[in-house]
Amino acid sequence: MAMIPNPKSRALLVDVTRCVGCRSCTQACKASHAFPGNGEETELDAVTYTVLLDKGNDRYLRRMCMHCADPSCASACPVGALTKTTLGPVTYDASKCLGCRYCMVACPYSVPRYEWSKAVPAVRKCDMCFERLAQGQKTSCAEACPAEATVCGSREELLAEAHRRIRENPGAYHPAVYGENEIGGTNVLILSPVPFDQLGLKTGLGTEPLPSLTWKALAKVPPVVAVGAPALFAIYWITHRREQVAAAERAEKEAGHGSR
């Protein structure tokens, strides 16, 4: 059964009409995670969880994890490394990860990134500052935004605010909220002055969560395959993942001793 967006969960509202392109959001994200870079990157990677894209005509669009209400990345993960939390964010546990990268294939927004340069790579993506939200704080990007182009609140409140802005100033907005219904809804909502496809946002995704489509497809797969594959992946993780982690830790220690 498809998950219904939790109206009380935490969410972000990104208003393209208010963004001035200052990149305070991307710089704050870098700082809060102690990542290298200056926040001016234009592509997501393992140390860049959000980017600001110049769409011309003084329009800027943030790109980041959309935190789907029913995320296909979590559905595709055979060991539960990705989880949709009741708080709103989709979080990731590297200690469970197989490194199969199914999440990267499954994500309709092409968000997850892989740590190709590390001995034991992990998948990386925005976690919507989960720890900050758990402590009652705003996300670092929303806190840093000087123009309230990114605001943090409950999904219910932000949807109401988004529709209020459209209603009170219809000439300034495309009359819809991106993420309200797309693939079952997301916890990142976007307001745009132009049709969404003109900003490069994916349209035509439908309103049905992608995991429900996945399960319809899996229903046609012989049960032994559907059940056996995750079991094999779990066995692989138990027997090999920990060995990889231990080997990487030993290599780092030896490298550290060798440099002294």
C-alpha atoms as a PDB file:
ATOM      1  CA  MET A   1       0.000   0.000   0.000  1.00  0.00           C
ATOM      2  CA  ALA A   2       1.305   3.437  -0.947  1.00  0.00           C
ATOM      3  CA  MET A   3       2.375   5.728   1.845  1.00  0.00           C
ATOM      4  CA  ILE A   4       0.379   8.936   2.287  1.00  0.00           C
ATOM      5  CA  PRO A   5       2.395  12.112   2.956  1.00  0.00           C
ATOM      6  CA  ASN A   6       2.366  12.922   6.661  1.00  0.00           C
ATOM      7  CA  PRO A   7       0.961  16.465   6.894  1.00  0.00           C
ATOM      8  CA  LYS A   8       2.785  17.051  10.184  1.00  0.00           C
ATOM      9  CA  SER A   9       6.177  15.905   8.892  1.00  0.00           C
ATOM     10  CA  ARG A  10       8.874  18.496   8.353  1.00  0.00           C
ATOM     11  CA  ALA A  11       9.316  19.866   4.863  1.00  0.00           C
ATOM     12  CA  LEU A  12      10.938  22.616   2.818  1.00  0.00           C
ATOM     13  CA  LEU A  13       9.228  25.164   0.582  1.00  0.00           C
ATOM     14  CA  VAL A  14      11.466  26.560  -2.158  1.00  0.00           C
ATOM     15  CA  ASP A  15      10.068  29.692  -3.828  1.00  0.00           C
ATOM     16  CA  VAL A  16      11.916  30.421  -7.063  1.00  0.00           C
ATOM     17  CA  THR A  17      10.354  33.901  -7.279  1.00  0.00           C
ATOM     18  CA  ARG A  18      12.095  34.920  -4.043  1.00  0.00           C
ATOM     19  CA  CYS A  19      15.545  33.455  -4.673  1.00  0.00           C
ATOM     20  CA  VAL A  20      18.241  36.070  -5.327  1.00  0.00           C
ATOM     21  CA  GLY A  21      20.972  33.579  -6.206  1.00  0.00           C
ATOM     22  CA  CYS A  22      23.184  34.410  -3.220  1.00  0.00           C
ATOM     23  CA  ARG A  23      24.001  30.723  -2.560  1.00  0.00           C
ATOM     24  CA  SER A  24      23.705  31.143   1.198  1.00  0.00           C
ATOM     25  CA  CYS A  25      21.797  27.845   1.208  1.00  0.00           C
ATOM     26  CA  THR A  26      24.510  25.857  -0.553  1.00  0.00           C
ATOM     27  CA  GLN A  27      27.266  27.424   1.536  1.00  0.00           C
ATOM     28  CA  ALA A  28      25.388  26.676   4.755  1.00  0.00           C
ATOM     29  CA  CYS A  29      24.925  23.070   3.687  1.00  0.00           C
ATOM     30  CA  LYS A  30      28.654  22.732   3.073  1.00  0.00           C
ATOM     31  CA  ALA A  31      29.493  24.292   6.426  1.00  0.00           C
ATOM     32  CA  SER A  32      27.017  22.218   8.444  1.00  0.00           C
ATOM     33  CA  HIS A  33      28.468  18.978   7.069  1.00  0.00           C
ATOM     34  CA  ALA A  34      32.100  20.188   7.141  1.00  0.00           C
ATOM     35  CA  PHE A  35      32.384  19.503   3.413  1.00  0.00           C
ATOM     36  CA  PRO A  36      35.047  21.028   1.161  1.00  0.00           C
ATOM     37  CA  GLY A  37      34.007  23.552  -1.472  1.00  0.00           C
ATOM     38  CA  ASN A  38      32.530  27.024  -1.534  1.00  0.00           C
ATOM     39  CA  GLY A  39      28.920  26.241  -2.391  1.00  0.00           C
ATOM     40  CA  GLU A  40      29.268  27.333  -6.005  1.00  0.00           C
ATOM     41  CA  GLU A  41      29.221  23.811  -7.421  1.00  0.00           C
ATOM     42  CA  THR A  42      26.631  23.034 -10.102  1.00  0.00           C
ATOM     43  CA  GLU A  43      26.540  19.227  -9.817  1.00  0.00           C
ATOM     44  CA  LEU A  44      25.582  17.017  -6.887  1.00  0.00           C
ATOM     45  CA  ASP A  45      28.324  14.745  -5.568  1.00  0.00           C
ATOM     46  CA  ALA A  46      29.365  12.931  -2.406  1.00  0.00           C
ATOM     47  CA  VAL A  47      30.265  16.224  -0.688  1.00  0.00           C
ATOM     48  CA  THR A  48      27.660  18.440  -2.358  1.00  0.00           C
ATOM     49  CA  TYR A  49      24.126  17.771  -1.190  1.00  0.00           C
ATOM     50  CA  THR A  50      22.471  20.760  -2.846  1.00  0.00           C
ATOM     51  CA  VAL A  51      23.299  23.073  -5.736  1.00  0.00           C
ATOM     52  CA  LEU A  52      21.798  26.283  -7.064  1.00  0.00           C
ATOM     53  CA  LEU A  53      21.256  26.322 -10.816  1.00  0.00           C
ATOM     54  CA  ASP A  54      21.030  29.550 -12.815  1.00  0.00           C
ATOM     55  CA  LYS A  55      18.019  29.162 -15.116  1.00  0.00           C
ATOM     56  CA  GLY A  56      18.328  32.620 -16.690  1.00  0.00           C
ATOM     57  CA  ASN A  57      16.084  35.676 -16.343  1.00  0.00           C
ATOM     58  CA  ASP A  58      17.142  36.003 -12.682  1.00  0.00           C
ATOM     59  CA  ARG A  59      15.645  32.608 -11.853  1.00  0.00           C
ATOM     60  CA  TYR A  60      17.510  30.151  -9.681  1.00  0.00           C
ATOM     61  CA  LEU A  61      16.493  26.616  -8.822  1.00  0.00           C
ATOM     62  CA  ARG A  62      17.780  24.487  -5.976  1.00  0.00           C
ATOM     63  CA  ARG A  63      18.549  20.853  -6.721  1.00  0.00           C
ATOM     64  CA  MET A  64      18.583  18.377  -3.856  1.00  0.00           C
ATOM     65  CA  CYS A  65      16.887  15.243  -2.557  1.00  0.00           C
ATOM     66  CA  MET A  66      13.113  15.660  -2.787  1.00  0.00           C
ATOM     67  CA  HIS A  67      12.478  13.362   0.211  1.00  0.00           C
ATOM     68  CA  CYS A  68       9.572  11.506  -1.380  1.00  0.00           C
ATOM     69  CA  ALA A  69       6.697  10.443   0.846  1.00  0.00           C
ATOM     70  CA  ASP A  70       7.079   6.921  -0.533  1.00  0.00           C
ATOM     71  CA  PRO A  71      10.685   6.864  -1.775  1.00  0.00           C
ATOM     72  CA  SER A  72      11.677   4.473  -4.535  1.00  0.00           C
ATOM     73  CA  CYS A  73      15.289   4.526  -3.272  1.00  0.00           C
ATOM     74  CA  ALA A  74      14.200   2.967   0.029  1.00  0.00           C
ATOM     75  CA  SER A  75      11.935   0.518  -1.773  1.00  0.00           C
ATOM     76  CA  ALA A  76      14.778  -0.618  -4.032  1.00  0.00           C
ATOM     77  CA  CYS A  77      17.304  -1.046  -1.203  1.00  0.00           C
ATOM     78  CA  PRO A  78      17.497  -4.768  -0.333  1.00  0.00           C
ATOM     79  CA  VAL A  79      18.897  -4.226   3.186  1.00  0.00           C
ATOM     80  CA  GLY A  80      17.045  -1.162   4.461  1.00  0.00           C
ATOM     81  CA  ALA A  81      19.977   1.243   4.308  1.00  0.00           C
ATOM     82  CA  LEU A  82      17.556   4.016   3.261  1.00  0.00           C
ATOM     83  CA  THR A  83      14.581   4.866   5.439  1.00  0.00           C
ATOM     84  CA  LYS A  84      11.674   7.266   5.188  1.00  0.00           C
ATOM     85  CA  THR A  85      11.383   8.740   8.677  1.00  0.00           C
ATOM     86  CA  THR A  86       8.147   9.925  10.266  1.00  0.00           C
ATOM     87  CA  LEU A  87       9.888  13.270  10.741  1.00  0.00           C
ATOM     88  CA  GLY A  88      10.051  13.702   6.967  1.00  0.00           C
ATOM     89  CA  PRO A  89      13.632  13.158   5.732  1.00  0.00           C
ATOM     90  CA  VAL A  90      14.811  10.063   3.890  1.00  0.00           C
ATOM     91  CA  THR A  91      17.907   8.992   5.811  1.00  0.00           C
ATOM     92  CA  TYR A  92      20.753   6.625   4.999  1.00  0.00           C
ATOM     93  CA  ASP A  93      22.709   4.149   7.163  1.00  0.00           C
ATOM     94  CA  ALA A  94      26.092   3.429   5.576  1.00  0.00           C
ATOM     95  CA  SER A  95      26.728   0.482   7.929  1.00  0.00           C
ATOM     96  CA  LYS A  96      23.921  -1.453   6.239  1.00  0.00           C
ATOM     97  CA  CYS A  97      24.804  -0.516   2.663  1.00  0.00           C
ATOM     98  CA  LEU A  98      25.757  -3.245   0.198  1.00  0.00           C
ATOM     99  CA  GLY A  99      27.125  -0.835  -2.341  1.00  0.00           C
ATOM    100  CA  CYS A 100      24.684  -2.208  -4.921  1.00  0.00           C
ATOM    101  CA  ARG A 101      23.648   1.325  -5.964  1.00  0.00           C
ATOM    102  CA  TYR A 102      20.072   0.239  -6.715  1.00  0.00           C
ATOM    103  CA  CYS A 103      18.961   3.457  -5.024  1.00  0.00           C
ATOM    104  CA  MET A 104      20.803   5.494  -7.631  1.00  0.00           C
ATOM    105  CA  VAL A 105      18.987   3.689 -10.430  1.00  0.00           C
ATOM    106  CA  ALA A 106      15.598   3.847  -8.696  1.00  0.00           C
ATOM    107  CA  CYS A 107      15.589   7.569  -7.859  1.00  0.00           C
ATOM    108  CA  PRO A 108      13.441   9.446 -10.414  1.00  0.00           C
ATOM    109  CA  TYR A 109      15.355  12.642  -9.632  1.00  0.00           C
ATOM    110  CA  SER A 110      18.848  11.113 -10.025  1.00  0.00           C
ATOM    111  CA  VAL A 111      19.971  12.389  -6.619  1.00  0.00           C
ATOM    112  CA  PRO A 112      22.055   9.767  -4.724  1.00  0.00           C
ATOM    113  CA  ARG A 113      25.798   9.941  -5.323  1.00  0.00           C
ATOM    114  CA  TYR A 114      28.519   7.346  -4.719  1.00  0.00           C
ATOM    115  CA  GLU A 115      31.885   7.828  -3.014  1.00  0.00           C
ATOM    116  CA  TRP A 116      33.927   6.411  -5.877  1.00  0.00           C
ATOM    117  CA  SER A 117      37.245   7.580  -4.421  1.00  0.00           C
ATOM    118  CA  LYS A 118      36.973   5.662  -1.130  1.00  0.00           C
ATOM    119  CA  ALA A 119      38.071   2.105  -0.379  1.00  0.00           C
ATOM    120  CA  VAL A 120      34.654   1.308   1.091  1.00  0.00           C
ATOM    121  CA  PRO A 121      32.316   3.705  -0.701  1.00  0.00           C
ATOM    122  CA  ALA A 122      28.975   4.850   0.645  1.00  0.00           C
ATOM    123  CA  VAL A 123      26.016   6.533  -0.986  1.00  0.00           C
ATOM    124  CA  ARG A 124      25.555  10.199  -0.123  1.00  0.00           C
ATOM    125  CA  LYS A 125      22.630  12.593  -0.425  1.00  0.00           C
ATOM    126  CA  CYS A 126      20.801  15.339   1.463  1.00  0.00           C
ATOM    127  CA  ASP A 127      19.282  14.117   4.735  1.00  0.00           C
ATOM    128  CA  MET A 128      17.351  17.354   5.287  1.00  0.00           C
ATOM    129  CA  CYS A 129      19.498  18.025   8.360  1.00  0.00           C
ATOM    130  CA  PHE A 130      17.745  15.201  10.185  1.00  0.00           C
ATOM    131  CA  GLU A 131      19.624  15.718  13.445  1.00  0.00           C
ATOM    132  CA  ARG A 132      18.784  19.414  13.468  1.00  0.00           C
ATOM    133  CA  LEU A 133      15.110  18.704  12.811  1.00  0.00           C
ATOM    134  CA  ALA A 134      15.070  16.105  15.588  1.00  0.00           C
ATOM    135  CA  GLN A 135      16.236  18.856  17.963  1.00  0.00           C
ATOM    136  CA  GLY A 136      13.476  21.220  16.827  1.00  0.00           C
ATOM    137  CA  GLN A 137      15.762  23.351  14.647  1.00  0.00           C
ATOM    138  CA  LYS A 138      15.395  24.434  11.036  1.00  0.00           C
ATOM    139  CA  THR A 139      17.520  22.963   8.270  1.00  0.00           C
ATOM    140  CA  SER A 140      20.796  24.831   7.794  1.00  0.00           C
ATOM    141  CA  CYS A 141      19.778  25.969   4.296  1.00  0.00           C
ATOM    142  CA  ALA A 142      16.465  27.453   5.464  1.00  0.00           C
ATOM    143  CA  GLU A 143      18.104  29.148   8.431  1.00  0.00           C
ATOM    144  CA  ALA A 144      20.695  30.754   6.163  1.00  0.00           C
ATOM    145  CA  CYS A 145      18.340  32.046   3.449  1.00  0.00           C
ATOM    146  CA  PRO A 146      18.044  35.865   3.740  1.00  0.00           C
ATOM    147  CA  ALA A 147      15.043  36.142   1.419  1.00  0.00           C
ATOM    148  CA  GLU A 148      12.945  33.243   2.770  1.00  0.00           C
ATOM    149  CA  ALA A 149      13.204  31.606  -0.624  1.00  0.00           C
ATOM    150  CA  THR A 150      13.689  28.378   1.336  1.00  0.00           C
ATOM    151  CA  VAL A 151      11.562  27.953   4.440  1.00  0.00           C
ATOM    152  CA  CYS A 152      11.206  25.035   6.817  1.00  0.00           C
ATOM    153  CA  GLY A 153       8.011  23.923   8.540  1.00  0.00           C
ATOM    154  CA  SER A 154       5.401  21.218   8.613  1.00  0.00           C
ATOM    155  CA  ARG A 155       4.291  19.949   5.217  1.00  0.00           C
ATOM    156  CA  GLU A 156       0.727  20.950   6.008  1.00  0.00           C
ATOM    157  CA  GLU A 157       1.689  24.520   6.894  1.00  0.00           C
ATOM    158  CA  LEU A 158       3.970  24.929   3.899  1.00  0.00           C
ATOM    159  CA  LEU A 159       1.359  23.660   1.446  1.00  0.00           C
ATOM    160  CA  ALA A 160      -1.130  26.135   2.890  1.00  0.00           C
ATOM    161  CA  GLU A 161       1.464  28.911   2.597  1.00  0.00           C
ATOM    162  CA  ALA A 162       2.293  27.948  -0.979  1.00  0.00           C
ATOM    163  CA  HIS A 163      -1.333  28.044  -2.059  1.00  0.00           C
ATOM    164  CA  ARG A 164      -1.826  31.332  -0.215  1.00  0.00           C
ATOM    165  CA  ARG A 165       1.025  32.896  -2.197  1.00  0.00           C
ATOM    166  CA  ILE A 166      -0.456  31.638  -5.467  1.00  0.00           C
ATOM    167  CA  ARG A 167      -3.937  32.839  -4.538  1.00  0.00           C
ATOM    168  CA  GLU A 168      -2.842  36.298  -3.442  1.00  0.00           C
ATOM    169  CA  ASN A 169      -0.476  36.891  -6.366  1.00  0.00           C
ATOM    170  CA  PRO A 170      -1.622  34.662  -9.258  1.00  0.00           C
ATOM    171  CA  GLY A 171       0.324  36.610 -11.867  1.00  0.00           C
ATOM    172  CA  ALA A 172       3.621  35.762 -10.183  1.00  0.00           C
ATOM    173  CA  TYR A 173       3.211  32.006  -9.997  1.00  0.00           C
ATOM    174  CA  HIS A 174       2.527  28.951 -12.074  1.00  0.00           C
ATOM    175  CA  PRO A 175      -0.753  27.730 -10.478  1.00  0.00           C
ATOM    176  CA  ALA A 176       0.561  24.531  -8.910  1.00  0.00           C
ATOM    177  CA  VAL A 177       2.951  23.366  -6.193  1.00  0.00           C
ATOM    178  CA  TYR A 178       5.623  20.975  -7.400  1.00  0.00           C
ATOM    179  CA  GLY A 179       5.879  18.051  -5.011  1.00  0.00           C
ATOM    180  CA  GLU A 180       2.338  18.277  -3.721  1.00  0.00           C
ATOM    181  CA  ASN A 181       1.219  15.264  -5.728  1.00  0.00           C
ATOM    182  CA  GLU A 182       4.158  14.155  -7.896  1.00  0.00           C
ATOM    183  CA  ILE A 183       4.804  10.417  -7.409  1.00  0.00           C
ATOM    184  CA  GLY A 184       2.718  10.448  -4.243  1.00  0.00           C
ATOM    185  CA  GLY A 185       4.061  13.721  -2.875  1.00  0.00           C
ATOM    186  CA  THR A 186       7.420  14.915  -1.571  1.00  0.00           C
ATOM    187  CA  ASN A 187       8.715  16.791   1.457  1.00  0.00           C
ATOM    188  CA  VAL A 188      10.398  19.390  -0.722  1.00  0.00           C
ATOM    189  CA  LEU A 189       7.824  21.682  -2.331  1.00  0.00           C
ATOM    190  CA  ILE A 190       8.609  24.158  -5.104  1.00  0.00           C
ATOM    191  CA  LEU A 191       6.860  27.313  -6.298  1.00  0.00           C
ATOM    192  CA  SER A 192       7.753  28.571  -9.767  1.00  0.00           C
ATOM    193  CA  PRO A 193       6.938  31.656 -11.846  1.00  0.00           C
ATOM    194  CA  VAL A 194       6.810  29.497 -14.999  1.00  0.00           C
ATOM    195  CA  PRO A 195       5.659  25.974 -15.885  1.00  0.00           C
ATOM    196  CA  PHE A 196       7.857  23.469 -14.115  1.00  0.00           C
ATOM    197  CA  ASP A 197       9.379  21.978 -17.246  1.00  0.00           C
ATOM    198  CA  GLN A 198      10.776  25.396 -18.158  1.00  0.00           C
ATOM    199  CA  LEU A 199      12.944  25.186 -15.040  1.00  0.00           C
ATOM    200  CA  GLY A 200      14.097  21.691 -15.909  1.00  0.00           C
ATOM    201  CA  LEU A 201      11.951  19.992 -13.269  1.00  0.00           C
ATOM    202  CA  LYS A 202      10.753  16.531 -14.219  1.00  0.00           C
ATOM    203  CA  THR A 203       7.106  16.488 -15.203  1.00  0.00           C
ATOM    204  CA  GLY A 204       4.814  13.711 -16.316  1.00  0.00           C
ATOM    205  CA  LEU A 205       5.809  11.545 -13.366  1.00  0.00           C
ATOM    206  CA  GLY A 206       2.201  10.927 -12.382  1.00  0.00           C
ATOM    207  CA  THR A 207       0.756  10.897  -8.888  1.00  0.00           C
ATOM    208  CA  GLU A 208       1.221   7.231  -8.019  1.00  0.00           C
ATOM    209  CA  PRO A 209       4.246   6.451  -5.830  1.00  0.00           C
ATOM    210  CA  LEU A 210       6.918   4.608  -7.782  1.00  0.00           C
ATOM    211  CA  PRO A 211       7.289   1.780  -5.213  1.00  0.00           C
ATOM    212  CA  SER A 212       3.691   0.747  -5.924  1.00  0.00           C
ATOM    213  CA  LEU A 213       4.634   0.380  -9.581  1.00  0.00           C
ATOM    214  CA  THR A 214       7.719  -1.576  -8.536  1.00  0.00           C
ATOM    215  CA  TRP A 215       5.656  -4.044  -6.553  1.00  0.00           C
ATOM    216  CA  LYS A 216       3.273  -4.501  -9.455  1.00  0.00           C
ATOM    217  CA  ALA A 217       6.254  -5.468 -11.578  1.00  0.00           C
ATOM    218  CA  LEU A 218       7.696  -7.730  -8.884  1.00  0.00           C
ATOM    219  CA  ALA A 219       4.360  -9.513  -8.612  1.00  0.00           C
ATOM    220  CA  LYS A 220       5.067 -10.946 -12.057  1.00  0.00           C
ATOM    221  CA  VAL A 221       8.471 -12.261 -10.975  1.00  0.00           C
ATOM    222  CA  PRO A 222       8.630 -15.881  -9.699  1.00  0.00           C
ATOM    223  CA  PRO A 223       8.479 -15.814  -5.869  1.00  0.00           C
ATOM    224  CA  VAL A 224      11.782 -17.651  -5.493  1.00  0.00           C
ATOM    225  CA  VAL A 225      13.556 -14.852  -7.381  1.00  0.00           C
ATOM    226  CA  ALA A 226      11.812 -12.030  -5.548  1.00  0.00           C
ATOM    227  CA  VAL A 227      12.525 -13.555  -2.143  1.00  0.00           C
ATOM    228  CA  GLY A 228      15.882 -15.117  -2.902  1.00  0.00           C
ATOM    229  CA  ALA A 229      17.645 -12.060  -4.307  1.00  0.00           C
ATOM    230  CA  PRO A 230      17.292  -9.914  -1.168  1.00  0.00           C
ATOM    231  CA  ALA A 231      18.340 -12.881   0.952  1.00  0.00           C
ATOM    232  CA  LEU A 232      21.471 -13.370  -1.108  1.00  0.00           C
ATOM    233  CA  PHE A 233      22.281  -9.690  -0.873  1.00  0.00           C
ATOM    234  CA  ALA A 234      21.865  -9.830   2.897  1.00  0.00           C
ATOM    235  CA  ILE A 235      24.234 -12.789   3.118  1.00  0.00           C
ATOM    236  CA  TYR A 236      26.743 -10.962   0.940  1.00  0.00           C
ATOM    237  CA  TRP A 237      26.620  -7.914   3.194  1.00  0.00           C
ATOM    238  CA  ILE A 238      27.094  -9.946   6.386  1.00  0.00           C
ATOM    239  CA  THR A 239      30.076 -11.874   5.020  1.00  0.00           C
ATOM    240  CA  HIS A 240      31.822  -9.233   2.927  1.00  0.00           C
ATOM    241  CA  ARG A 241      30.854  -5.695   3.903  1.00  0.00           C
ATOM    242  CA  ARG A 242      32.377  -5.888   7.363  1.00  0.00           C
ATOM    243  CA  GLU A 243      35.555  -7.400   5.916  1.00  0.00           C
ATOM    244  CA  GLN A 244      35.813  -4.463   3.507  1.00  0.00           C
ATOM    245  CA  VAL A 245      35.330  -1.951   6.297  1.00  0.00           C
ATOM    246  CA  ALA A 246      37.939  -3.652   8.472  1.00  0.00           C
ATOM    247  CA  ALA A 247      40.425  -3.809   5.593  1.00  0.00           C
ATOM    248  CA  ALA A 248      39.934  -0.133   4.813  1.00  0.00           C
ATOM    249  CA  GLU A 249      40.440   0.803   8.465  1.00  0.00           C
ATOM    250  CA  ARG A 250      43.658  -1.252   8.602  1.00  0.00           C
ATOM    251  CA  ALA A 251      44.940   0.399   5.441  1.00  0.00           C
ATOM    252  CA  GLU A 252      44.245   3.865   6.858  1.00  0.00           C
ATOM    253  CA  LYS A 253      46.074   2.999  10.097  1.00  0.00           C
ATOM    254  CA  GLU A 254      49.058   1.605   8.233  1.00  0.00           C
ATOM    255  CA  ALA A 255      49.173   4.692   6.027  1.00  0.00           C
ATOM    256  CA  GLY A 256      49.096   6.872   9.114  1.00  0.00           C
ATOM    257  CA  HIS A 257      51.985   4.979  10.731  1.00  0.00           C
ATOM    258  CA  GLY A 258      53.960   5.052   7.513  1.00  0.00           C
ATOM    259  CA  SER A 259      53.771   8.841   7.257  1.00  0.00           C
ATOM    260  CA  ARG A 260      55.284   9.388  10.664  1.00  0.00           C
END
